[in-house]
Amino acid sequence: MGLLFVLIFWAILFCIISLALGLLGIIAALLYSHYKKVKVRFLTWFIAPGILLFGFAGINFAVSVFYGIITNSDIGIGDYASENINKKYHLFWIDASDWKIDTRDSNSDFWEIKEFNHVQEILEHDDTIAFTSKIDDQYVLTQLNANKVEYAVIDSASTTDVLWNKYTKTRGIDRDDVYTCDEYYIRYRKYFLIAVLTFNIFIFYFIFKKFKRFWKFLFLKK
């Protein structure tokens, strides 16, 4: 129901935006017709913004679904976020942005019940994945084996900085390699967003550049 609700919300929002753009299109058509002394197709000027908007949304939704399927992660909308750390571990939140980590049994296709809640920050280094999580009033640093489902609690403290400073210093790891869960998620998603943006620029360039005569036929009367 969460994803359905979000889709309905965006559909209603796009309808409102399309209506507003359509009214602006009518005003633009009147001005264009007046100053250029040409006849225009007012209906086309009214519905074209909505068609382009919903076409844009539909294409990007399809691309997002395709990305989510091939990467086994979320599609970028809805009431959850999900990103695979590797084949064994999975970072996610549902309904509220309280990050969790699940472990995957290498001999099965489902996530185990074992779950680490209230994850704050995460670090990947060689064959080790470490993260901090909040338990009551303490922060706990847990280390995962990247190659198999194994974990060990390393230390606990009143702040995450104390844990990371000690952990990275003793292992010769750069402290800047530690990311908050939001930063970790965005770090992997930014390449997808860049690709989608490039794709959209190409699509709009192709539509408007290659179909000039078609647009004139749609918007202007002879």
N, C-alpha and C. Protein backbone atom coordinates (compact mmCIF):
# COMPACT_ATOMS: atom_id res chain seq x y z
N MET A 1 0.83 -1.21 0.00
CA MET A 1 0.00 0.00 0.00
C MET A 1 0.86 1.26 0.00
N GLY A 2 2.06 1.19 0.58
CA GLY A 2 2.93 2.35 0.65
C GLY A 2 3.29 2.88 -0.72
N LEU A 3 3.74 2.00 -1.61
CA LEU A 3 4.12 2.40 -2.96
C LEU A 3 2.91 2.88 -3.74
N LEU A 4 1.77 2.21 -3.59
CA LEU A 4 0.54 2.61 -4.28
C LEU A 4 0.12 4.01 -3.85
N PHE A 5 0.20 4.28 -2.56
CA PHE A 5 -0.16 5.61 -2.04
C PHE A 5 0.74 6.67 -2.65
N VAL A 6 2.03 6.39 -2.73
CA VAL A 6 2.99 7.35 -3.29
C VAL A 6 2.69 7.60 -4.76
N LEU A 7 2.39 6.53 -5.51
CA LEU A 7 2.08 6.68 -6.93
C LEU A 7 0.81 7.52 -7.13
N ILE A 8 -0.20 7.28 -6.30
CA ILE A 8 -1.45 8.06 -6.38
C ILE A 8 -1.16 9.53 -6.05
N PHE A 9 -0.34 9.75 -5.03
CA PHE A 9 0.01 11.12 -4.64
C PHE A 9 0.70 11.85 -5.79
N TRP A 10 1.69 11.20 -6.43
CA TRP A 10 2.40 11.84 -7.53
C TRP A 10 1.50 12.03 -8.74
N ALA A 11 0.59 11.09 -8.98
CA ALA A 11 -0.34 11.22 -10.11
C ALA A 11 -1.24 12.45 -9.92
N ILE A 12 -1.76 12.62 -8.69
CA ILE A 12 -2.61 13.79 -8.40
C ILE A 12 -1.80 15.08 -8.53
N LEU A 13 -0.57 15.06 -7.99
CA LEU A 13 0.29 16.24 -8.07
C LEU A 13 0.59 16.61 -9.52
N PHE A 14 0.90 15.60 -10.33
CA PHE A 14 1.20 15.86 -11.75
C PHE A 14 -0.04 16.37 -12.50
N CYS A 15 -1.22 15.89 -12.11
CA CYS A 15 -2.45 16.39 -12.73
C CYS A 15 -2.64 17.87 -12.43
N ILE A 16 -2.38 18.26 -11.18
CA ILE A 16 -2.51 19.67 -10.80
C ILE A 16 -1.48 20.52 -11.54
N ILE A 17 -0.23 20.03 -11.59
CA ILE A 17 0.82 20.76 -12.30
C ILE A 17 0.50 20.85 -13.79
N SER A 18 -0.02 19.75 -14.36
CA SER A 18 -0.37 19.73 -15.78
C SER A 18 -1.47 20.75 -16.08
N LEU A 19 -2.45 20.84 -15.18
CA LEU A 19 -3.53 21.81 -15.36
C LEU A 19 -2.97 23.23 -15.33
N ALA A 20 -2.10 23.50 -14.37
CA ALA A 20 -1.50 24.83 -14.26
C ALA A 20 -0.66 25.15 -15.50
N LEU A 21 0.14 24.20 -15.95
CA LEU A 21 0.95 24.40 -17.15
C LEU A 21 0.07 24.56 -18.38
N GLY A 22 -1.05 23.81 -18.41
CA GLY A 22 -1.97 23.94 -19.54
C GLY A 22 -2.56 25.33 -19.64
N LEU A 23 -2.92 25.90 -18.49
CA LEU A 23 -3.45 27.27 -18.48
C LEU A 23 -2.38 28.27 -18.93
N LEU A 24 -1.15 28.04 -18.48
CA LEU A 24 -0.04 28.89 -18.94
C LEU A 24 0.17 28.70 -20.44
N GLY A 25 -0.05 27.47 -20.92
CA GLY A 25 0.08 27.20 -22.35
C GLY A 25 -0.94 27.98 -23.16
N ILE A 26 -2.17 28.08 -22.65
CA ILE A 26 -3.21 28.86 -23.32
C ILE A 26 -2.81 30.34 -23.40
N ILE A 27 -2.29 30.85 -22.27
CA ILE A 27 -1.84 32.26 -22.25
C ILE A 27 -0.70 32.46 -23.25
N ALA A 28 0.25 31.49 -23.26
CA ALA A 28 1.36 31.58 -24.20
C ALA A 28 0.86 31.53 -25.64
N ALA A 29 -0.14 30.69 -25.90
CA ALA A 29 -0.71 30.57 -27.25
C ALA A 29 -1.36 31.88 -27.68
N LEU A 30 -2.08 32.52 -26.76
CA LEU A 30 -2.71 33.80 -27.08
C LEU A 30 -1.68 34.86 -27.41
N LEU A 31 -0.63 34.93 -26.61
CA LEU A 31 0.43 35.92 -26.85
C LEU A 31 1.16 35.63 -28.15
N TYR A 32 1.46 34.35 -28.37
CA TYR A 32 2.17 33.96 -29.60
C TYR A 32 1.32 34.27 -30.83
N SER A 33 0.04 33.97 -30.75
CA SER A 33 -0.87 34.22 -31.86
C SER A 33 -0.99 35.71 -32.14
N HIS A 34 -1.02 36.52 -31.07
CA HIS A 34 -1.17 37.96 -31.22
C HIS A 34 0.06 38.60 -31.85
N TYR A 35 1.23 38.25 -31.34
CA TYR A 35 2.46 38.92 -31.79
C TYR A 35 2.99 38.35 -33.11
N LYS A 36 2.77 37.06 -33.35
CA LYS A 36 3.27 36.45 -34.58
C LYS A 36 2.23 36.49 -35.71
N LYS A 37 1.01 36.90 -35.37
CA LYS A 37 -0.06 36.99 -36.35
C LYS A 37 -0.31 35.65 -37.05
N VAL A 38 -0.36 34.59 -36.25
CA VAL A 38 -0.61 33.25 -36.79
C VAL A 38 -1.76 32.61 -36.02
N LYS A 39 -2.37 31.59 -36.62
CA LYS A 39 -3.41 30.83 -35.94
C LYS A 39 -2.78 29.65 -35.20
N VAL A 40 -3.25 29.38 -34.02
CA VAL A 40 -2.68 28.30 -33.21
C VAL A 40 -3.76 27.30 -32.82
N ARG A 41 -3.31 26.11 -32.45
CA ARG A 41 -4.22 25.07 -31.97
C ARG A 41 -4.23 25.14 -30.43
N PHE A 42 -5.23 25.79 -29.88
CA PHE A 42 -5.26 26.04 -28.43
C PHE A 42 -5.31 24.74 -27.63
N LEU A 43 -6.03 23.75 -28.14
CA LEU A 43 -6.12 22.48 -27.41
C LEU A 43 -4.74 21.84 -27.25
N THR A 44 -3.94 21.91 -28.30
CA THR A 44 -2.60 21.33 -28.23
C THR A 44 -1.74 22.07 -27.21
N TRP A 45 -1.83 23.40 -27.21
CA TRP A 45 -1.07 24.19 -26.24
C TRP A 45 -1.50 23.88 -24.81
N PHE A 46 -2.76 23.47 -24.66
CA PHE A 46 -3.27 23.17 -23.31
C PHE A 46 -2.83 21.79 -22.83
N ILE A 47 -2.91 20.79 -23.70
CA ILE A 47 -2.64 19.41 -23.25
C ILE A 47 -1.18 18.99 -23.40
N ALA A 48 -0.41 19.69 -24.23
CA ALA A 48 0.98 19.28 -24.48
C ALA A 48 1.85 19.24 -23.22
N PRO A 49 1.78 20.27 -22.33
CA PRO A 49 2.60 20.21 -21.11
C PRO A 49 2.33 18.98 -20.25
N GLY A 50 1.04 18.63 -20.13
CA GLY A 50 0.69 17.45 -19.33
C GLY A 50 1.19 16.16 -19.95
N ILE A 51 1.08 16.06 -21.28
CA ILE A 51 1.56 14.86 -21.97
C ILE A 51 3.07 14.71 -21.79
N LEU A 52 3.80 15.83 -21.93
CA LEU A 52 5.25 15.79 -21.76
C LEU A 52 5.62 15.45 -20.31
N LEU A 53 4.89 16.02 -19.36
CA LEU A 53 5.18 15.78 -17.95
C LEU A 53 4.96 14.32 -17.58
N PHE A 54 3.80 13.77 -17.99
CA PHE A 54 3.51 12.37 -17.67
C PHE A 54 4.42 11.43 -18.46
N GLY A 55 4.79 11.83 -19.68
CA GLY A 55 5.74 11.02 -20.45
C GLY A 55 7.09 10.99 -19.77
N PHE A 56 7.55 12.14 -19.30
CA PHE A 56 8.81 12.25 -18.56
C PHE A 56 8.77 11.37 -17.31
N ALA A 57 7.67 11.46 -16.54
CA ALA A 57 7.54 10.68 -15.31
C ALA A 57 7.50 9.19 -15.61
N GLY A 58 6.77 8.81 -16.66
CA GLY A 58 6.66 7.39 -17.02
C GLY A 58 7.98 6.79 -17.42
N ILE A 59 8.75 7.52 -18.23
CA ILE A 59 10.06 7.02 -18.67
C ILE A 59 10.99 6.85 -17.48
N ASN A 60 11.02 7.85 -16.60
CA ASN A 60 11.92 7.78 -15.44
C ASN A 60 11.49 6.72 -14.44
N PHE A 61 10.19 6.51 -14.31
CA PHE A 61 9.71 5.44 -13.43
C PHE A 61 10.14 4.08 -13.97
N ALA A 62 10.02 3.90 -15.28
CA ALA A 62 10.43 2.63 -15.89
C ALA A 62 11.93 2.39 -15.71
N VAL A 63 12.72 3.45 -15.88
CA VAL A 63 14.17 3.33 -15.69
C VAL A 63 14.48 2.98 -14.23
N SER A 64 13.78 3.61 -13.29
CA SER A 64 14.01 3.34 -11.87
C SER A 64 13.64 1.91 -11.50
N VAL A 65 12.53 1.41 -12.06
CA VAL A 65 12.13 0.03 -11.80
C VAL A 65 13.17 -0.94 -12.35
N PHE A 66 13.66 -0.66 -13.54
CA PHE A 66 14.70 -1.50 -14.15
C PHE A 66 15.96 -1.51 -13.29
N TYR A 67 16.35 -0.34 -12.80
CA TYR A 67 17.52 -0.24 -11.92
C TYR A 67 17.31 -1.03 -10.64
N GLY A 68 16.12 -0.90 -10.04
CA GLY A 68 15.82 -1.62 -8.81
C GLY A 68 15.86 -3.12 -8.99
N ILE A 69 15.40 -3.61 -10.16
CA ILE A 69 15.39 -5.05 -10.42
C ILE A 69 16.80 -5.60 -10.59
N ILE A 70 17.62 -4.91 -11.39
CA ILE A 70 18.96 -5.44 -11.67
C ILE A 70 19.92 -5.28 -10.49
N THR A 71 19.64 -4.32 -9.60
CA THR A 71 20.53 -4.12 -8.44
C THR A 71 19.93 -4.66 -7.15
N ASN A 72 18.69 -5.15 -7.20
CA ASN A 72 18.01 -5.66 -6.01
C ASN A 72 17.94 -4.59 -4.91
N SER A 73 17.62 -3.36 -5.31
CA SER A 73 17.50 -2.26 -4.37
C SER A 73 16.19 -1.54 -4.60
N ASP A 74 15.96 -0.44 -3.90
CA ASP A 74 14.69 0.27 -4.06
C ASP A 74 14.67 1.04 -5.37
N ILE A 75 13.49 1.50 -5.78
CA ILE A 75 13.34 2.18 -7.06
C ILE A 75 13.36 3.70 -6.93
N GLY A 76 13.62 4.18 -5.73
CA GLY A 76 13.76 5.62 -5.55
C GLY A 76 12.52 6.35 -5.09
N ILE A 77 11.37 5.65 -5.05
CA ILE A 77 10.15 6.25 -4.52
C ILE A 77 9.50 5.23 -3.58
N GLY A 78 8.59 5.71 -2.76
CA GLY A 78 7.93 4.80 -1.83
C GLY A 78 8.35 5.08 -0.40
N ASP A 79 7.89 4.22 0.51
CA ASP A 79 8.14 4.43 1.92
C ASP A 79 9.28 3.56 2.44
N TYR A 80 10.26 3.31 1.60
CA TYR A 80 11.42 2.54 2.02
C TYR A 80 12.63 2.90 1.17
N ALA A 81 13.81 2.61 1.70
CA ALA A 81 15.06 2.76 0.96
C ALA A 81 15.88 1.50 1.19
N SER A 82 16.62 1.09 0.18
CA SER A 82 17.33 -0.18 0.26
C SER A 82 18.57 -0.14 -0.62
N GLU A 83 19.68 -0.61 -0.08
CA GLU A 83 20.92 -0.69 -0.84
C GLU A 83 21.71 -1.90 -0.34
N ASN A 84 22.21 -2.70 -1.28
CA ASN A 84 23.03 -3.85 -0.91
C ASN A 84 24.45 -3.39 -0.58
N ILE A 85 24.94 -3.79 0.57
CA ILE A 85 26.34 -3.53 0.89
C ILE A 85 27.22 -4.49 0.09
N ASN A 86 26.85 -5.74 0.11
CA ASN A 86 27.43 -6.77 -0.77
C ASN A 86 26.43 -7.93 -0.83
N LYS A 87 26.87 -9.10 -1.24
CA LYS A 87 25.95 -10.23 -1.38
C LYS A 87 25.50 -10.79 -0.03
N LYS A 88 26.16 -10.40 1.02
CA LYS A 88 25.84 -10.94 2.35
C LYS A 88 25.02 -9.98 3.22
N TYR A 89 25.16 -8.68 2.95
CA TYR A 89 24.56 -7.70 3.85
C TYR A 89 23.76 -6.65 3.08
N HIS A 90 22.74 -6.17 3.75
CA HIS A 90 21.72 -5.35 3.11
C HIS A 90 21.36 -4.20 4.05
N LEU A 91 21.50 -2.96 3.58
CA LEU A 91 21.20 -1.77 4.36
C LEU A 91 19.84 -1.22 3.92
N PHE A 92 18.95 -0.93 4.87
CA PHE A 92 17.61 -0.49 4.47
C PHE A 92 16.88 0.22 5.60
N TRP A 93 15.82 0.91 5.24
CA TRP A 93 14.83 1.37 6.21
C TRP A 93 13.45 1.26 5.60
N ILE A 94 12.45 1.10 6.45
CA ILE A 94 11.05 1.00 6.01
C ILE A 94 10.20 1.93 6.87
N ASP A 95 9.36 2.74 6.19
CA ASP A 95 8.43 3.67 6.83
C ASP A 95 9.12 4.88 7.48
N ALA A 96 10.14 4.64 8.28
CA ALA A 96 10.87 5.74 8.91
C ALA A 96 12.36 5.54 8.66
N SER A 97 13.10 6.65 8.56
CA SER A 97 14.51 6.55 8.20
C SER A 97 15.38 6.11 9.39
N ASP A 98 15.04 4.94 9.92
CA ASP A 98 15.84 4.28 10.95
C ASP A 98 16.55 3.12 10.27
N TRP A 99 17.82 3.32 9.94
CA TRP A 99 18.53 2.35 9.12
C TRP A 99 18.79 1.05 9.86
N LYS A 100 18.70 -0.05 9.10
CA LYS A 100 18.94 -1.39 9.64
C LYS A 100 19.86 -2.15 8.68
N ILE A 101 20.48 -3.19 9.19
CA ILE A 101 21.27 -4.09 8.36
C ILE A 101 20.77 -5.50 8.57
N ASP A 102 20.46 -6.17 7.46
CA ASP A 102 20.08 -7.58 7.47
C ASP A 102 21.27 -8.42 7.01
N THR A 103 21.31 -9.67 7.45
CA THR A 103 22.33 -10.60 6.96
C THR A 103 21.67 -11.66 6.09
N ARG A 104 22.37 -12.06 5.03
CA ARG A 104 21.82 -13.06 4.13
C ARG A 104 22.60 -14.37 4.27
N ASP A 105 21.85 -15.45 4.42
CA ASP A 105 22.45 -16.78 4.43
C ASP A 105 22.91 -17.12 3.01
N SER A 106 24.18 -17.46 2.86
CA SER A 106 24.73 -17.72 1.53
C SER A 106 24.09 -18.93 0.85
N ASN A 107 23.39 -19.77 1.60
CA ASN A 107 22.76 -20.96 1.03
C ASN A 107 21.27 -20.79 0.80
N SER A 108 20.79 -19.58 0.90
CA SER A 108 19.37 -19.37 0.71
C SER A 108 19.13 -18.06 -0.03
N ASP A 109 17.89 -17.84 -0.44
CA ASP A 109 17.53 -16.64 -1.18
C ASP A 109 16.70 -15.67 -0.35
N PHE A 110 16.67 -15.85 0.97
CA PHE A 110 15.87 -14.95 1.79
C PHE A 110 16.74 -14.35 2.90
N TRP A 111 16.27 -13.23 3.40
CA TRP A 111 17.01 -12.57 4.47
C TRP A 111 16.73 -13.27 5.80
N GLU A 112 17.79 -13.44 6.59
CA GLU A 112 17.63 -14.08 7.89
C GLU A 112 16.91 -13.13 8.85
N ILE A 113 16.46 -13.69 9.97
CA ILE A 113 15.79 -12.89 10.97
C ILE A 113 16.77 -11.94 11.66
N LYS A 114 18.05 -12.34 11.70
CA LYS A 114 19.04 -11.50 12.36
C LYS A 114 19.06 -10.12 11.74
N GLU A 115 18.92 -9.11 12.59
CA GLU A 115 18.80 -7.75 12.10
C GLU A 115 19.49 -6.80 13.08
N PHE A 116 20.27 -5.88 12.55
CA PHE A 116 20.92 -4.86 13.36
C PHE A 116 20.14 -3.56 13.20
N ASN A 117 19.61 -3.05 14.30
CA ASN A 117 18.76 -1.87 14.25
C ASN A 117 19.51 -0.60 14.61
N HIS A 118 18.90 0.54 14.28
CA HIS A 118 19.41 1.86 14.65
C HIS A 118 20.86 2.06 14.19
N VAL A 119 21.14 1.66 12.97
CA VAL A 119 22.50 1.81 12.43
C VAL A 119 22.77 3.28 12.15
N GLN A 120 23.92 3.76 12.59
CA GLN A 120 24.26 5.18 12.47
C GLN A 120 25.24 5.47 11.34
N GLU A 121 26.39 4.77 11.37
CA GLU A 121 27.45 5.01 10.39
C GLU A 121 28.03 3.69 9.94
N ILE A 122 28.69 3.72 8.78
CA ILE A 122 29.19 2.47 8.21
C ILE A 122 30.55 2.69 7.55
N LEU A 123 31.38 1.66 7.60
CA LEU A 123 32.72 1.71 7.02
C LEU A 123 33.00 0.40 6.29
N GLU A 124 33.48 0.50 5.03
CA GLU A 124 33.92 -0.66 4.27
C GLU A 124 35.43 -0.57 4.09
N HIS A 125 36.14 -1.64 4.45
CA HIS A 125 37.59 -1.64 4.29
C HIS A 125 38.07 -3.08 4.10
N ASP A 126 38.64 -3.34 2.91
CA ASP A 126 39.12 -4.68 2.58
C ASP A 126 37.99 -5.70 2.78
N ASP A 127 38.23 -6.72 3.61
CA ASP A 127 37.22 -7.76 3.83
C ASP A 127 36.39 -7.51 5.09
N THR A 128 36.39 -6.27 5.52
CA THR A 128 35.68 -5.94 6.76
C THR A 128 34.65 -4.85 6.52
N ILE A 129 33.50 -5.04 7.14
CA ILE A 129 32.47 -4.00 7.18
C ILE A 129 32.19 -3.71 8.64
N ALA A 130 32.30 -2.45 9.01
CA ALA A 130 32.04 -2.07 10.40
C ALA A 130 30.94 -1.02 10.43
N PHE A 131 30.17 -1.02 11.49
CA PHE A 131 29.11 -0.02 11.62
C PHE A 131 28.83 0.25 13.09
N THR A 132 28.30 1.42 13.34
CA THR A 132 27.87 1.77 14.69
C THR A 132 26.35 1.74 14.74
N SER A 133 25.82 1.33 15.87
CA SER A 133 24.37 1.33 16.08
C SER A 133 24.09 1.77 17.51
N LYS A 134 22.89 2.27 17.72
CA LYS A 134 22.54 2.78 19.04
C LYS A 134 21.70 1.76 19.79
N ILE A 135 22.15 1.42 20.97
CA ILE A 135 21.42 0.51 21.85
C ILE A 135 21.22 1.22 23.18
N ASP A 136 20.00 1.55 23.48
CA ASP A 136 19.67 2.36 24.66
C ASP A 136 20.44 3.69 24.58
N ASP A 137 21.28 3.98 25.57
CA ASP A 137 22.03 5.25 25.56
C ASP A 137 23.47 5.07 25.13
N GLN A 138 23.81 3.90 24.63
CA GLN A 138 25.18 3.61 24.20
C GLN A 138 25.25 3.36 22.70
N TYR A 139 26.41 3.68 22.13
CA TYR A 139 26.68 3.36 20.74
C TYR A 139 27.61 2.15 20.69
N VAL A 140 27.27 1.20 19.85
CA VAL A 140 28.04 -0.04 19.76
C VAL A 140 28.66 -0.14 18.37
N LEU A 141 29.94 -0.51 18.32
CA LEU A 141 30.62 -0.72 17.04
C LEU A 141 30.70 -2.21 16.78
N THR A 142 30.13 -2.64 15.66
CA THR A 142 30.09 -4.06 15.28
C THR A 142 30.87 -4.25 13.99
N GLN A 143 31.63 -5.34 13.94
CA GLN A 143 32.42 -5.65 12.75
C GLN A 143 31.86 -6.89 12.06
N LEU A 144 31.67 -6.79 10.74
CA LEU A 144 31.14 -7.90 9.95
C LEU A 144 32.23 -8.47 9.06
N ASN A 145 32.15 -9.75 8.80
CA ASN A 145 33.01 -10.39 7.82
C ASN A 145 32.36 -10.24 6.46
N ALA A 146 33.06 -9.59 5.50
CA ALA A 146 32.46 -9.31 4.20
C ALA A 146 32.23 -10.56 3.37
N ASN A 147 32.94 -11.64 3.66
CA ASN A 147 32.88 -12.85 2.84
C ASN A 147 31.89 -13.90 3.36
N LYS A 148 31.56 -13.84 4.62
CA LYS A 148 30.58 -14.77 5.17
C LYS A 148 29.86 -14.10 6.33
N VAL A 149 28.72 -14.67 6.68
CA VAL A 149 27.89 -14.05 7.72
C VAL A 149 28.49 -14.33 9.09
N GLU A 150 29.36 -13.42 9.50
CA GLU A 150 29.95 -13.45 10.83
C GLU A 150 30.03 -12.02 11.35
N TYR A 151 29.81 -11.86 12.63
CA TYR A 151 29.91 -10.52 13.19
C TYR A 151 30.44 -10.60 14.62
N ALA A 152 31.04 -9.49 15.05
CA ALA A 152 31.59 -9.42 16.40
C ALA A 152 31.47 -7.99 16.91
N VAL A 153 31.00 -7.85 18.14
CA VAL A 153 30.92 -6.53 18.76
C VAL A 153 32.32 -6.13 19.22
N ILE A 154 32.81 -5.00 18.74
CA ILE A 154 34.17 -4.57 19.03
C ILE A 154 34.25 -3.71 20.28
N ASP A 155 33.34 -2.73 20.39
CA ASP A 155 33.46 -1.79 21.50
C ASP A 155 32.13 -1.04 21.66
N SER A 156 32.00 -0.32 22.74
CA SER A 156 30.84 0.55 22.96
C SER A 156 31.31 1.82 23.64
N ALA A 157 30.58 2.90 23.41
CA ALA A 157 30.94 4.19 24.00
C ALA A 157 29.71 5.10 23.97
N SER A 158 29.86 6.29 24.56
CA SER A 158 28.74 7.22 24.63
C SER A 158 28.57 8.02 23.34
N THR A 159 29.62 8.05 22.48
CA THR A 159 29.53 8.74 21.19
C THR A 159 30.16 7.87 20.11
N THR A 160 29.73 8.09 18.88
CA THR A 160 30.30 7.33 17.76
C THR A 160 31.72 7.80 17.42
N ASP A 161 32.01 9.07 17.67
CA ASP A 161 33.35 9.59 17.38
C ASP A 161 34.42 8.86 18.17
N VAL A 162 34.13 8.59 19.42
CA VAL A 162 35.10 7.86 20.26
C VAL A 162 35.37 6.48 19.66
N LEU A 163 34.31 5.81 19.23
CA LEU A 163 34.47 4.47 18.66
C LEU A 163 35.26 4.50 17.36
N TRP A 164 34.91 5.40 16.46
CA TRP A 164 35.57 5.43 15.14
C TRP A 164 37.01 5.91 15.24
N ASN A 165 37.27 6.89 16.07
CA ASN A 165 38.65 7.37 16.21
C ASN A 165 39.58 6.27 16.67
N LYS A 166 39.12 5.49 17.63
CA LYS A 166 39.93 4.38 18.13
C LYS A 166 40.05 3.28 17.10
N TYR A 167 38.95 2.92 16.47
CA TYR A 167 38.93 1.82 15.50
C TYR A 167 39.79 2.12 14.29
N THR A 168 39.63 3.31 13.71
CA THR A 168 40.39 3.65 12.49
C THR A 168 41.88 3.86 12.80
N LYS A 169 42.18 4.42 13.95
CA LYS A 169 43.58 4.68 14.30
C LYS A 169 44.36 3.39 14.48
N THR A 170 43.78 2.42 15.18
CA THR A 170 44.49 1.15 15.44
C THR A 170 44.64 0.31 14.18
N ARG A 171 43.82 0.55 13.17
CA ARG A 171 43.87 -0.25 11.93
C ARG A 171 44.43 0.52 10.74
N GLY A 172 44.84 1.76 10.98
CA GLY A 172 45.42 2.55 9.91
C GLY A 172 44.46 2.90 8.80
N ILE A 173 43.20 3.14 9.16
CA ILE A 173 42.16 3.46 8.18
C ILE A 173 41.85 4.95 8.25
N ASP A 174 41.62 5.55 7.09
CA ASP A 174 41.28 6.97 7.03
C ASP A 174 39.90 7.20 7.65
N ARG A 175 39.82 8.11 8.59
CA ARG A 175 38.55 8.40 9.27
C ARG A 175 37.48 8.91 8.29
N ASP A 176 37.93 9.52 7.19
CA ASP A 176 36.98 10.04 6.20
C ASP A 176 36.26 8.94 5.43
N ASP A 177 36.71 7.69 5.58
CA ASP A 177 36.05 6.57 4.90
C ASP A 177 34.79 6.12 5.63
N VAL A 178 34.54 6.72 6.78
CA VAL A 178 33.32 6.41 7.54
C VAL A 178 32.19 7.32 7.04
N TYR A 179 31.06 6.71 6.68
CA TYR A 179 29.92 7.46 6.16
C TYR A 179 28.70 7.25 7.05
N THR A 180 27.88 8.28 7.15
CA THR A 180 26.57 8.06 7.73
C THR A 180 25.78 7.18 6.76
N CYS A 181 24.71 6.58 7.22
CA CYS A 181 23.92 5.71 6.35
C CYS A 181 23.34 6.48 5.17
N ASP A 182 22.89 7.71 5.42
CA ASP A 182 22.36 8.53 4.33
C ASP A 182 23.45 8.81 3.29
N GLU A 183 24.65 9.15 3.75
CA GLU A 183 25.77 9.42 2.83
C GLU A 183 26.15 8.17 2.06
N TYR A 184 26.13 7.04 2.73
CA TYR A 184 26.47 5.77 2.08
C TYR A 184 25.46 5.45 0.98
N TYR A 185 24.19 5.68 1.27
CA TYR A 185 23.13 5.42 0.30
C TYR A 185 23.27 6.33 -0.91
N ILE A 186 23.45 7.63 -0.66
CA ILE A 186 23.57 8.62 -1.74
C ILE A 186 24.84 8.38 -2.56
N ARG A 187 25.89 7.93 -1.89
CA ARG A 187 27.17 7.68 -2.57
C ARG A 187 27.00 6.71 -3.74
N TYR A 188 26.18 5.70 -3.56
CA TYR A 188 25.96 4.72 -4.61
C TYR A 188 24.86 5.14 -5.58
N ARG A 189 23.95 5.99 -5.11
CA ARG A 189 22.85 6.40 -5.97
C ARG A 189 23.21 7.56 -6.90
N LYS A 190 24.26 8.32 -6.58
CA LYS A 190 24.54 9.51 -7.37
C LYS A 190 24.90 9.16 -8.81
N TYR A 191 25.55 8.01 -9.02
CA TYR A 191 25.89 7.61 -10.38
C TYR A 191 24.63 7.29 -11.18
N PHE A 192 23.67 6.68 -10.53
CA PHE A 192 22.39 6.40 -11.17
C PHE A 192 21.68 7.70 -11.52
N LEU A 193 21.69 8.66 -10.60
CA LEU A 193 21.03 9.94 -10.84
C LEU A 193 21.69 10.70 -11.99
N ILE A 194 23.01 10.65 -12.07
CA ILE A 194 23.74 11.30 -13.17
C ILE A 194 23.35 10.66 -14.49
N ALA A 195 23.26 9.33 -14.50
CA ALA A 195 22.88 8.60 -15.72
C ALA A 195 21.46 8.96 -16.15
N VAL A 196 20.53 9.05 -15.19
CA VAL A 196 19.14 9.39 -15.51
C VAL A 196 19.05 10.82 -16.04
N LEU A 197 19.80 11.75 -15.42
CA LEU A 197 19.79 13.13 -15.87
C LEU A 197 20.32 13.23 -17.31
N THR A 198 21.40 12.53 -17.60
CA THR A 198 21.97 12.53 -18.95
C THR A 198 20.97 11.95 -19.95
N PHE A 199 20.30 10.87 -19.56
CA PHE A 199 19.30 10.24 -20.41
C PHE A 199 18.16 11.21 -20.73
N ASN A 200 17.70 11.96 -19.71
CA ASN A 200 16.62 12.92 -19.92
C ASN A 200 17.01 14.06 -20.85
N ILE A 201 18.23 14.55 -20.68
CA ILE A 201 18.72 15.61 -21.55
C ILE A 201 18.74 15.13 -23.00
N PHE A 202 19.21 13.91 -23.19
CA PHE A 202 19.27 13.34 -24.54
C PHE A 202 17.87 13.19 -25.13
N ILE A 203 16.92 12.69 -24.34
CA ILE A 203 15.56 12.48 -24.81
C ILE A 203 14.91 13.81 -25.23
N PHE A 204 15.03 14.83 -24.37
CA PHE A 204 14.42 16.11 -24.69
C PHE A 204 15.10 16.77 -25.89
N TYR A 205 16.40 16.65 -25.98
CA TYR A 205 17.11 17.19 -27.14
C TYR A 205 16.62 16.51 -28.42
N PHE A 206 16.50 15.21 -28.37
CA PHE A 206 16.06 14.44 -29.54
C PHE A 206 14.65 14.82 -29.96
N ILE A 207 13.75 14.95 -28.97
CA ILE A 207 12.35 15.26 -29.27
C ILE A 207 12.21 16.64 -29.90
N PHE A 208 12.86 17.63 -29.29
CA PHE A 208 12.67 19.00 -29.76
C PHE A 208 13.52 19.34 -30.99
N LYS A 209 14.66 18.67 -31.13
CA LYS A 209 15.55 18.98 -32.24
C LYS A 209 15.14 18.26 -33.52
N LYS A 210 14.75 17.03 -33.39
CA LYS A 210 14.49 16.21 -34.57
C LYS A 210 13.07 16.32 -35.12
N PHE A 211 12.17 16.91 -34.33
CA PHE A 211 10.77 16.96 -34.76
C PHE A 211 10.23 18.38 -34.84
N LYS A 212 11.06 19.29 -35.34
CA LYS A 212 10.64 20.69 -35.42
C LYS A 212 9.39 20.86 -36.27
N ARG A 213 9.38 20.24 -37.46
CA ARG A 213 8.23 20.37 -38.35
C ARG A 213 6.98 19.76 -37.73
N PHE A 214 7.17 18.66 -37.00
CA PHE A 214 6.04 17.99 -36.35
C PHE A 214 5.43 18.91 -35.29
N TRP A 215 6.29 19.57 -34.51
CA TRP A 215 5.79 20.49 -33.47
C TRP A 215 5.04 21.65 -34.09
N LYS A 216 5.55 22.19 -35.20
CA LYS A 216 4.86 23.28 -35.88
C LYS A 216 3.48 22.85 -36.37
N PHE A 217 3.41 21.63 -36.88
CA PHE A 217 2.13 21.10 -37.35
C PHE A 217 1.14 20.97 -36.20
N LEU A 218 1.62 20.52 -35.03
CA LEU A 218 0.74 20.32 -33.88
C LEU A 218 0.25 21.64 -33.30
N PHE A 219 1.14 22.62 -33.22
CA PHE A 219 0.82 23.85 -32.49
C PHE A 219 0.24 24.96 -33.35
N LEU A 220 0.50 24.92 -34.66
CA LEU A 220 0.07 26.02 -35.52
C LEU A 220 -0.94 25.53 -36.57
N LYS A 221 -1.86 26.40 -36.91
CA LYS A 221 -2.82 26.12 -37.97
C LYS A 221 -2.32 26.79 -39.26
N LYS A 222 -2.58 26.17 -40.35
CA LYS A 222 -2.20 26.77 -41.64
C LYS A 222 -3.21 27.85 -42.03
